[in-house]
Amino acid sequence: MKTPLTCEAVARAGLGESLGHAAAELLWRCPNHQDEHPSLSVNPKNNVWMCGPCGVSGTAWSLAAFLAGCDPGDKAAVKAWLRDHGLG
């Protein structure tokens, strides 16, 4: 049986270890904007993520697309990113 994709696994694969936490959320620096203070957050319990300054959030799939720099609807590109990062 295949392990479900999680936001935390995607963030760790694409961004490395978390830089800290705020309440129940793990924090990373967003690679898509100048981010002096980690603003990309993942809530492992609810399996969701968001980057406030970028105005985006969603599922593990959408996080993989965000980190890959592609549209979530581009299944081939997202799957390739996941595979390249050990998650596919």
PDB file of N, CA and C in Angstrom:
ATOM      1  N   MET A   1       0.841  -1.187   0.000  1.00  0.00           N
ATOM      2  CA  MET A   1       0.000   0.000   0.000  1.00  0.00           C
ATOM      3  C   MET A   1       0.883   1.246   0.000  1.00  0.00           C
ATOM      4  N   LYS A   2       0.515   2.218  -0.803  1.00  0.00           N
ATOM      5  CA  LYS A   2       1.296   3.444  -0.941  1.00  0.00           C
ATOM      6  C   LYS A   2       1.041   4.386   0.242  1.00  0.00           C
ATOM      7  N   THR A   3       2.116   4.998   0.742  1.00  0.00           N
ATOM      8  CA  THR A   3       2.004   5.953   1.841  1.00  0.00           C
ATOM      9  C   THR A   3       1.414   7.260   1.309  1.00  0.00           C
ATOM     10  N   PRO A   4       0.431   7.822   2.011  1.00  0.00           N
ATOM     11  CA  PRO A   4      -0.153   9.095   1.556  1.00  0.00           C
ATOM     12  C   PRO A   4       0.888  10.219   1.576  1.00  0.00           C
ATOM     13  N   LEU A   5       0.791  11.084   0.604  1.00  0.00           N
ATOM     14  CA  LEU A   5       1.678  12.236   0.506  1.00  0.00           C
ATOM     15  C   LEU A   5       1.284  13.261   1.564  1.00  0.00           C
ATOM     16  N   THR A   6       2.271  13.781   2.305  1.00  0.00           N
ATOM     17  CA  THR A   6       1.976  14.782   3.325  1.00  0.00           C
ATOM     18  C   THR A   6       2.703  16.083   3.008  1.00  0.00           C
ATOM     19  N   CYS A   7       2.146  17.167   3.474  1.00  0.00           N
ATOM     20  CA  CYS A   7       2.779  18.474   3.304  1.00  0.00           C
ATOM     21  C   CYS A   7       4.140  18.507   3.981  1.00  0.00           C
ATOM     22  N   GLU A   8       4.240  17.908   5.136  1.00  0.00           N
ATOM     23  CA  GLU A   8       5.515  17.912   5.846  1.00  0.00           C
ATOM     24  C   GLU A   8       6.586  17.176   5.054  1.00  0.00           C
ATOM     25  N   ALA A   9       6.248  16.025   4.483  1.00  0.00           N
ATOM     26  CA  ALA A   9       7.219  15.266   3.684  1.00  0.00           C
ATOM     27  C   ALA A   9       7.650  16.058   2.455  1.00  0.00           C
ATOM     28  N   VAL A  10       6.711  16.720   1.797  1.00  0.00           N
ATOM     29  CA  VAL A  10       7.028  17.526   0.618  1.00  0.00           C
ATOM     30  C   VAL A  10       7.939  18.686   1.008  1.00  0.00           C
ATOM     31  N   ALA A  11       7.610  19.380   2.092  1.00  0.00           N
ATOM     32  CA  ALA A  11       8.428  20.512   2.537  1.00  0.00           C
ATOM     33  C   ALA A  11       9.839  20.053   2.893  1.00  0.00           C
ATOM     34  N   ARG A  12       9.964  18.969   3.618  1.00  0.00           N
ATOM     35  CA  ARG A  12      11.288  18.468   3.994  1.00  0.00           C
ATOM     36  C   ARG A  12      12.086  18.040   2.765  1.00  0.00           C
ATOM     37  N   ALA A  13      11.423  17.408   1.800  1.00  0.00           N
ATOM     38  CA  ALA A  13      12.111  16.959   0.585  1.00  0.00           C
ATOM     39  C   ALA A  13      12.596  18.140  -0.242  1.00  0.00           C
ATOM     40  N   GLY A  14      11.806  19.192  -0.300  1.00  0.00           N
ATOM     41  CA  GLY A  14      12.150  20.323  -1.140  1.00  0.00           C
ATOM     42  C   GLY A  14      12.929  21.427  -0.458  1.00  0.00           C
ATOM     43  N   LEU A  15      12.770  21.542   0.867  1.00  0.00           N
ATOM     44  CA  LEU A  15      13.346  22.681   1.586  1.00  0.00           C
ATOM     45  C   LEU A  15      14.292  22.298   2.712  1.00  0.00           C
ATOM     46  N   GLY A  16      14.398  21.015   3.010  1.00  0.00           N
ATOM     47  CA  GLY A  16      15.258  20.574   4.109  1.00  0.00           C
ATOM     48  C   GLY A  16      14.511  20.583   5.431  1.00  0.00           C
ATOM     49  N   GLU A  17      15.258  20.617   6.480  1.00  0.00           N
ATOM     50  CA  GLU A  17      14.651  20.580   7.812  1.00  0.00           C
ATOM     51  C   GLU A  17      13.948  21.894   8.137  1.00  0.00           C
ATOM     52  N   SER A  18      12.918  21.785   8.926  1.00  0.00           N
ATOM     53  CA  SER A  18      12.169  22.957   9.384  1.00  0.00           C
ATOM     54  C   SER A  18      13.097  23.885  10.159  1.00  0.00           C
ATOM     55  N   LEU A  19      12.834  25.185  10.042  1.00  0.00           N
ATOM     56  CA  LEU A  19      13.641  26.186  10.745  1.00  0.00           C
ATOM     57  C   LEU A  19      13.046  26.568  12.092  1.00  0.00           C
ATOM     58  N   GLY A  20      11.968  25.922  12.471  1.00  0.00           N
ATOM     59  CA  GLY A  20      11.334  26.213  13.743  1.00  0.00           C
ATOM     60  C   GLY A  20       9.854  25.937  13.664  1.00  0.00           C
ATOM     61  N   HIS A  21       9.146  26.446  14.655  1.00  0.00           N
ATOM     62  CA  HIS A  21       7.699  26.239  14.671  1.00  0.00           C
ATOM     63  C   HIS A  21       7.020  27.400  15.364  1.00  0.00           C
ATOM     64  N   ALA A  22       5.759  27.547  15.043  1.00  0.00           N
ATOM     65  CA  ALA A  22       4.892  28.525  15.697  1.00  0.00           C
ATOM     66  C   ALA A  22       3.614  27.775  16.018  1.00  0.00           C
ATOM     67  N   ALA A  23       3.380  27.567  17.289  1.00  0.00           N
ATOM     68  CA  ALA A  23       2.244  26.745  17.746  1.00  0.00           C
ATOM     69  C   ALA A  23       2.366  25.378  17.090  1.00  0.00           C
ATOM     70  N   ALA A  24       1.345  24.942  16.357  1.00  0.00           N
ATOM     71  CA  ALA A  24       1.336  23.605  15.763  1.00  0.00           C
ATOM     72  C   ALA A  24       1.927  23.575  14.359  1.00  0.00           C
ATOM     73  N   GLU A  25       2.492  24.685  13.896  1.00  0.00           N
ATOM     74  CA  GLU A  25       2.966  24.754  12.520  1.00  0.00           C
ATOM     75  C   GLU A  25       4.491  24.758  12.441  1.00  0.00           C
ATOM     76  N   LEU A  26       5.008  24.021  11.460  1.00  0.00           N
ATOM     77  CA  LEU A  26       6.438  24.000  11.166  1.00  0.00           C
ATOM     78  C   LEU A  26       6.720  25.100  10.151  1.00  0.00           C
ATOM     79  N   LEU A  27       7.893  25.721  10.247  1.00  0.00           N
ATOM     80  CA  LEU A  27       8.204  26.886   9.413  1.00  0.00           C
ATOM     81  C   LEU A  27       9.438  26.678   8.539  1.00  0.00           C
ATOM     82  N   TRP A  28       9.354  27.181   7.316  1.00  0.00           N
ATOM     83  CA  TRP A  28      10.459  27.195   6.368  1.00  0.00           C
ATOM     84  C   TRP A  28      10.521  28.566   5.710  1.00  0.00           C
ATOM     85  N   ARG A  29      11.658  28.900   5.124  1.00  0.00           N
ATOM     86  CA  ARG A  29      11.755  30.090   4.279  1.00  0.00           C
ATOM     87  C   ARG A  29      11.163  29.741   2.929  1.00  0.00           C
ATOM     88  N   CYS A  30      10.350  30.606   2.410  1.00  0.00           N
ATOM     89  CA  CYS A  30       9.737  30.394   1.106  1.00  0.00           C
ATOM     90  C   CYS A  30      10.776  30.677   0.016  1.00  0.00           C
ATOM     91  N   PRO A  31      10.951  29.739  -0.917  1.00  0.00           N
ATOM     92  CA  PRO A  31      11.930  29.950  -1.989  1.00  0.00           C
ATOM     93  C   PRO A  31      11.417  30.866  -3.099  1.00  0.00           C
ATOM     94  N   ASN A  32      10.153  31.259  -3.030  1.00  0.00           N
ATOM     95  CA  ASN A  32       9.558  32.029  -4.118  1.00  0.00           C
ATOM     96  C   ASN A  32       9.448  33.528  -3.854  1.00  0.00           C
ATOM     97  N   HIS A  33       9.987  33.984  -2.742  1.00  0.00           N
ATOM     98  CA  HIS A  33      10.064  35.416  -2.473  1.00  0.00           C
ATOM     99  C   HIS A  33      11.193  35.668  -1.469  1.00  0.00           C
ATOM    100  N   GLN A  34      11.614  36.914  -1.361  1.00  0.00           N
ATOM    101  CA  GLN A  34      12.643  37.280  -0.383  1.00  0.00           C
ATOM    102  C   GLN A  34      12.061  37.030   1.002  1.00  0.00           C
ATOM    103  N   ASP A  35      12.614  36.084   1.723  1.00  0.00           N
ATOM    104  CA  ASP A  35      12.010  35.645   2.977  1.00  0.00           C
ATOM    105  C   ASP A  35      13.044  35.651   4.102  1.00  0.00           C
ATOM    106  N   GLU A  36      13.154  36.775   4.792  1.00  0.00           N
ATOM    107  CA  GLU A  36      14.103  36.879   5.896  1.00  0.00           C
ATOM    108  C   GLU A  36      13.636  36.112   7.128  1.00  0.00           C
ATOM    109  N   HIS A  37      12.331  36.054   7.313  1.00  0.00           N
ATOM    110  CA  HIS A  37      11.751  35.328   8.445  1.00  0.00           C
ATOM    111  C   HIS A  37      10.870  34.227   7.875  1.00  0.00           C
ATOM    112  N   PRO A  38      11.084  32.984   8.260  1.00  0.00           N
ATOM    113  CA  PRO A  38      10.337  31.875   7.667  1.00  0.00           C
ATOM    114  C   PRO A  38       8.824  32.142   7.642  1.00  0.00           C
ATOM    115  N   SER A  39       8.261  32.107   6.444  1.00  0.00           N
ATOM    116  CA  SER A  39       6.830  32.399   6.315  1.00  0.00           C
ATOM    117  C   SER A  39       6.045  31.279   5.640  1.00  0.00           C
ATOM    118  N   LEU A  40       6.724  30.242   5.193  1.00  0.00           N
ATOM    119  CA  LEU A  40       6.011  29.094   4.641  1.00  0.00           C
ATOM    120  C   LEU A  40       5.762  28.145   5.806  1.00  0.00           C
ATOM    121  N   SER A  41       4.487  27.907   6.105  1.00  0.00           N
ATOM    122  CA  SER A  41       4.156  27.076   7.259  1.00  0.00           C
ATOM    123  C   SER A  41       3.402  25.829   6.836  1.00  0.00           C
ATOM    124  N   VAL A  42       3.639  24.767   7.586  1.00  0.00           N
ATOM    125  CA  VAL A  42       2.961  23.489   7.375  1.00  0.00           C
ATOM    126  C   VAL A  42       2.321  23.087   8.694  1.00  0.00           C
ATOM    127  N   ASN A  43       1.054  22.719   8.623  1.00  0.00           N
ATOM    128  CA  ASN A  43       0.366  22.182   9.788  1.00  0.00           C
ATOM    129  C   ASN A  43       0.280  20.673   9.591  1.00  0.00           C
ATOM    130  N   PRO A  44       1.171  19.902  10.247  1.00  0.00           N
ATOM    131  CA  PRO A  44       1.192  18.453  10.047  1.00  0.00           C
ATOM    132  C   PRO A  44      -0.117  17.766  10.451  1.00  0.00           C
ATOM    133  N   LYS A  45      -0.760  18.250  11.491  1.00  0.00           N
ATOM    134  CA  LYS A  45      -1.994  17.612  11.962  1.00  0.00           C
ATOM    135  C   LYS A  45      -3.104  17.701  10.907  1.00  0.00           C
ATOM    136  N   ASN A  46      -3.237  18.868  10.289  1.00  0.00           N
ATOM    137  CA  ASN A  46      -4.284  19.066   9.286  1.00  0.00           C
ATOM    138  C   ASN A  46      -3.798  18.800   7.860  1.00  0.00           C
ATOM    139  N   ASN A  47      -2.493  18.533   7.704  1.00  0.00           N
ATOM    140  CA  ASN A  47      -1.885  18.240   6.410  1.00  0.00           C
ATOM    141  C   ASN A  47      -2.186  19.339   5.388  1.00  0.00           C
ATOM    142  N   VAL A  48      -1.920  20.586   5.789  1.00  0.00           N
ATOM    143  CA  VAL A  48      -2.088  21.746   4.912  1.00  0.00           C
ATOM    144  C   VAL A  48      -0.874  22.654   5.059  1.00  0.00           C
ATOM    145  N   TRP A  49      -0.710  23.567   4.105  1.00  0.00           N
ATOM    146  CA  TRP A  49       0.406  24.509   4.124  1.00  0.00           C
ATOM    147  C   TRP A  49      -0.083  25.865   3.653  1.00  0.00           C
ATOM    148  N   MET A  50       0.744  26.893   3.912  1.00  0.00           N
ATOM    149  CA  MET A  50       0.452  28.218   3.375  1.00  0.00           C
ATOM    150  C   MET A  50       1.707  29.083   3.403  1.00  0.00           C
ATOM    151  N   CYS A  51       1.748  30.024   2.486  1.00  0.00           N
ATOM    152  CA  CYS A  51       2.737  31.094   2.505  1.00  0.00           C
ATOM    153  C   CYS A  51       1.940  32.378   2.429  1.00  0.00           C
ATOM    154  N   GLY A  52       1.855  33.093   3.537  1.00  0.00           N
ATOM    155  CA  GLY A  52       1.079  34.324   3.602  1.00  0.00           C
ATOM    156  C   GLY A  52       1.516  35.375   2.590  1.00  0.00           C
ATOM    157  N   PRO A  53       2.823  35.711   2.524  1.00  0.00           N
ATOM    158  CA  PRO A  53       3.250  36.736   1.579  1.00  0.00           C
ATOM    159  C   PRO A  53       2.949  36.377   0.114  1.00  0.00           C
ATOM    160  N   CYS A  54       3.016  35.099  -0.229  1.00  0.00           N
ATOM    161  CA  CYS A  54       2.708  34.673  -1.599  1.00  0.00           C
ATOM    162  C   CYS A  54       1.202  34.537  -1.828  1.00  0.00           C
ATOM    163  N   GLY A  55       0.431  34.433  -0.735  1.00  0.00           N
ATOM    164  CA  GLY A  55      -1.013  34.294  -0.849  1.00  0.00           C
ATOM    165  C   GLY A  55      -1.453  32.949  -1.389  1.00  0.00           C
ATOM    166  N   VAL A  56      -0.700  31.896  -1.061  1.00  0.00           N
ATOM    167  CA  VAL A  56      -1.042  30.559  -1.544  1.00  0.00           C
ATOM    168  C   VAL A  56      -1.093  29.576  -0.383  1.00  0.00           C
ATOM    169  N   SER A  57      -1.862  28.521  -0.573  1.00  0.00           N
ATOM    170  CA  SER A  57      -1.990  27.477   0.443  1.00  0.00           C
ATOM    171  C   SER A  57      -2.608  26.255  -0.212  1.00  0.00           C
ATOM    172  N   GLY A  58      -2.673  25.172   0.549  1.00  0.00           N
ATOM    173  CA  GLY A  58      -3.360  24.005   0.009  1.00  0.00           C
ATOM    174  C   GLY A  58      -2.857  22.682   0.520  1.00  0.00           C
ATOM    175  N   THR A  59      -2.897  21.711  -0.382  1.00  0.00           N
ATOM    176  CA  THR A  59      -2.588  20.313  -0.093  1.00  0.00           C
ATOM    177  C   THR A  59      -1.115  20.021  -0.361  1.00  0.00           C
ATOM    178  N   ALA A  60      -0.720  18.799  -0.054  1.00  0.00           N
ATOM    179  CA  ALA A  60       0.654  18.377  -0.335  1.00  0.00           C
ATOM    180  C   ALA A  60       0.944  18.454  -1.836  1.00  0.00           C
ATOM    181  N   TRP A  61      -0.029  18.077  -2.659  1.00  0.00           N
ATOM    182  CA  TRP A  61       0.153  18.142  -4.111  1.00  0.00           C
ATOM    183  C   TRP A  61       0.409  19.584  -4.559  1.00  0.00           C
ATOM    184  N   SER A  62      -0.378  20.522  -4.033  1.00  0.00           N
ATOM    185  CA  SER A  62      -0.194  21.919  -4.444  1.00  0.00           C
ATOM    186  C   SER A  62       1.132  22.473  -3.924  1.00  0.00           C
ATOM    187  N   LEU A  63       1.600  21.992  -2.786  1.00  0.00           N
ATOM    188  CA  LEU A  63       2.909  22.418  -2.278  1.00  0.00           C
ATOM    189  C   LEU A  63       4.011  21.907  -3.200  1.00  0.00           C
ATOM    190  N   ALA A  64       3.904  20.667  -3.639  1.00  0.00           N
ATOM    191  CA  ALA A  64       4.901  20.126  -4.570  1.00  0.00           C
ATOM    192  C   ALA A  64       4.916  20.961  -5.849  1.00  0.00           C
ATOM    193  N   ALA A  65       3.743  21.316  -6.357  1.00  0.00           N
ATOM    194  CA  ALA A  65       3.665  22.140  -7.563  1.00  0.00           C
ATOM    195  C   ALA A  65       4.278  23.516  -7.307  1.00  0.00           C
ATOM    196  N   PHE A  66       3.994  24.106  -6.169  1.00  0.00           N
ATOM    197  CA  PHE A  66       4.526  25.425  -5.793  1.00  0.00           C
ATOM    198  C   PHE A  66       6.049  25.386  -5.758  1.00  0.00           C
ATOM    199  N   LEU A  67       6.602  24.355  -5.134  1.00  0.00           N
ATOM    200  CA  LEU A  67       8.055  24.235  -5.038  1.00  0.00           C
ATOM    201  C   LEU A  67       8.684  23.914  -6.388  1.00  0.00           C
ATOM    202  N   ALA A  68       7.941  23.199  -7.228  1.00  0.00           N
ATOM    203  CA  ALA A  68       8.438  22.856  -8.564  1.00  0.00           C
ATOM    204  C   ALA A  68       8.309  24.017  -9.540  1.00  0.00           C
ATOM    205  N   GLY A  69       7.519  25.022  -9.162  1.00  0.00           N
ATOM    206  CA  GLY A  69       7.308  26.166 -10.043  1.00  0.00           C
ATOM    207  C   GLY A  69       6.401  25.862 -11.215  1.00  0.00           C
ATOM    208  N   CYS A  70       5.430  24.966 -10.976  1.00  0.00           N
ATOM    209  CA  CYS A  70       4.508  24.611 -12.054  1.00  0.00           C
ATOM    210  C   CYS A  70       3.069  24.653 -11.552  1.00  0.00           C
ATOM    211  N   ASP A  71       2.146  24.535 -12.473  1.00  0.00           N
ATOM    212  CA  ASP A  71       0.727  24.524 -12.148  1.00  0.00           C
ATOM    213  C   ASP A  71       0.362  23.171 -11.542  1.00  0.00           C
ATOM    214  N   PRO A  72      -0.467  23.142 -10.490  1.00  0.00           N
ATOM    215  CA  PRO A  72      -0.877  21.858  -9.903  1.00  0.00           C
ATOM    216  C   PRO A  72      -1.573  20.933 -10.909  1.00  0.00           C
ATOM    217  N   GLY A  73      -2.133  21.509 -11.956  1.00  0.00           N
ATOM    218  CA  GLY A  73      -2.788  20.698 -12.977  1.00  0.00           C
ATOM    219  C   GLY A  73      -1.818  19.996 -13.921  1.00  0.00           C
ATOM    220  N   ASP A  74      -0.541  20.377 -13.868  1.00  0.00           N
ATOM    221  CA  ASP A  74       0.478  19.741 -14.708  1.00  0.00           C
ATOM    222  C   ASP A  74       0.969  18.487 -13.987  1.00  0.00           C
ATOM    223  N   LYS A  75       0.192  17.425 -14.097  1.00  0.00           N
ATOM    224  CA  LYS A  75       0.474  16.201 -13.341  1.00  0.00           C
ATOM    225  C   LYS A  75       1.846  15.616 -13.646  1.00  0.00           C
ATOM    226  N   ALA A  76       2.249  15.657 -14.899  1.00  0.00           N
ATOM    227  CA  ALA A  76       3.555  15.102 -15.261  1.00  0.00           C
ATOM    228  C   ALA A  76       4.683  15.856 -14.564  1.00  0.00           C
ATOM    229  N   ALA A  77       4.604  17.180 -14.533  1.00  0.00           N
ATOM    230  CA  ALA A  77       5.658  17.989 -13.905  1.00  0.00           C
ATOM    231  C   ALA A  77       5.689  17.781 -12.389  1.00  0.00           C
ATOM    232  N   VAL A  78       4.519  17.730 -11.758  1.00  0.00           N
ATOM    233  CA  VAL A  78       4.474  17.530 -10.306  1.00  0.00           C
ATOM    234  C   VAL A  78       4.989  16.135  -9.964  1.00  0.00           C
ATOM    235  N   LYS A  79       4.557  15.127 -10.720  1.00  0.00           N
ATOM    236  CA  LYS A  79       5.032  13.759 -10.465  1.00  0.00           C
ATOM    237  C   LYS A  79       6.540  13.667 -10.651  1.00  0.00           C
ATOM    238  N   ALA A  80       7.075  14.350 -11.663  1.00  0.00           N
ATOM    239  CA  ALA A  80       8.521  14.334 -11.889  1.00  0.00           C
ATOM    240  C   ALA A  80       9.251  14.975 -10.716  1.00  0.00           C
ATOM    241  N   TRP A  81       8.734  16.106 -10.204  1.00  0.00           N
ATOM    242  CA  TRP A  81       9.361  16.762  -9.043  1.00  0.00           C
ATOM    243  C   TRP A  81       9.330  15.822  -7.840  1.00  0.00           C
ATOM    244  N   LEU A  82       8.191  15.198  -7.603  1.00  0.00           N
ATOM    245  CA  LEU A  82       8.064  14.274  -6.474  1.00  0.00           C
ATOM    246  C   LEU A  82       9.065  13.124  -6.619  1.00  0.00           C
ATOM    247  N   ARG A  83       9.148  12.559  -7.808  1.00  0.00           N
ATOM    248  CA  ARG A  83      10.072  11.447  -8.060  1.00  0.00           C
ATOM    249  C   ARG A  83      11.520  11.911  -7.842  1.00  0.00           C
ATOM    250  N   ASP A  84      11.855  13.091  -8.372  1.00  0.00           N
ATOM    251  CA  ASP A  84      13.216  13.626  -8.226  1.00  0.00           C
ATOM    252  C   ASP A  84      13.595  13.893  -6.771  1.00  0.00           C
ATOM    253  N   HIS A  85      12.595  14.081  -5.921  1.00  0.00           N
ATOM    254  CA  HIS A  85      12.829  14.369  -4.504  1.00  0.00           C
ATOM    255  C   HIS A  85      12.518  13.176  -3.598  1.00  0.00           C
ATOM    256  N   GLY A  86      12.461  11.989  -4.207  1.00  0.00           N
ATOM    257  CA  GLY A  86      12.296  10.759  -3.436  1.00  0.00           C
ATOM    258  C   GLY A  86      10.909  10.489  -2.915  1.00  0.00           C
ATOM    259  N   LEU A  87       9.912  11.134  -3.498  1.00  0.00           N
ATOM    260  CA  LEU A  87       8.544  10.963  -3.007  1.00  0.00           C
ATOM    261  C   LEU A  87       7.609  10.325  -4.042  1.00  0.00           C
ATOM    262  N   GLY A  88       8.137   9.892  -5.168  1.00  0.00           N
ATOM    263  CA  GLY A  88       7.271   9.371  -6.212  1.00  0.00           C
ATOM    264  C   GLY A  88       7.445   7.925  -6.515  1.00  0.00           C
TER     265      GLY A  88
END
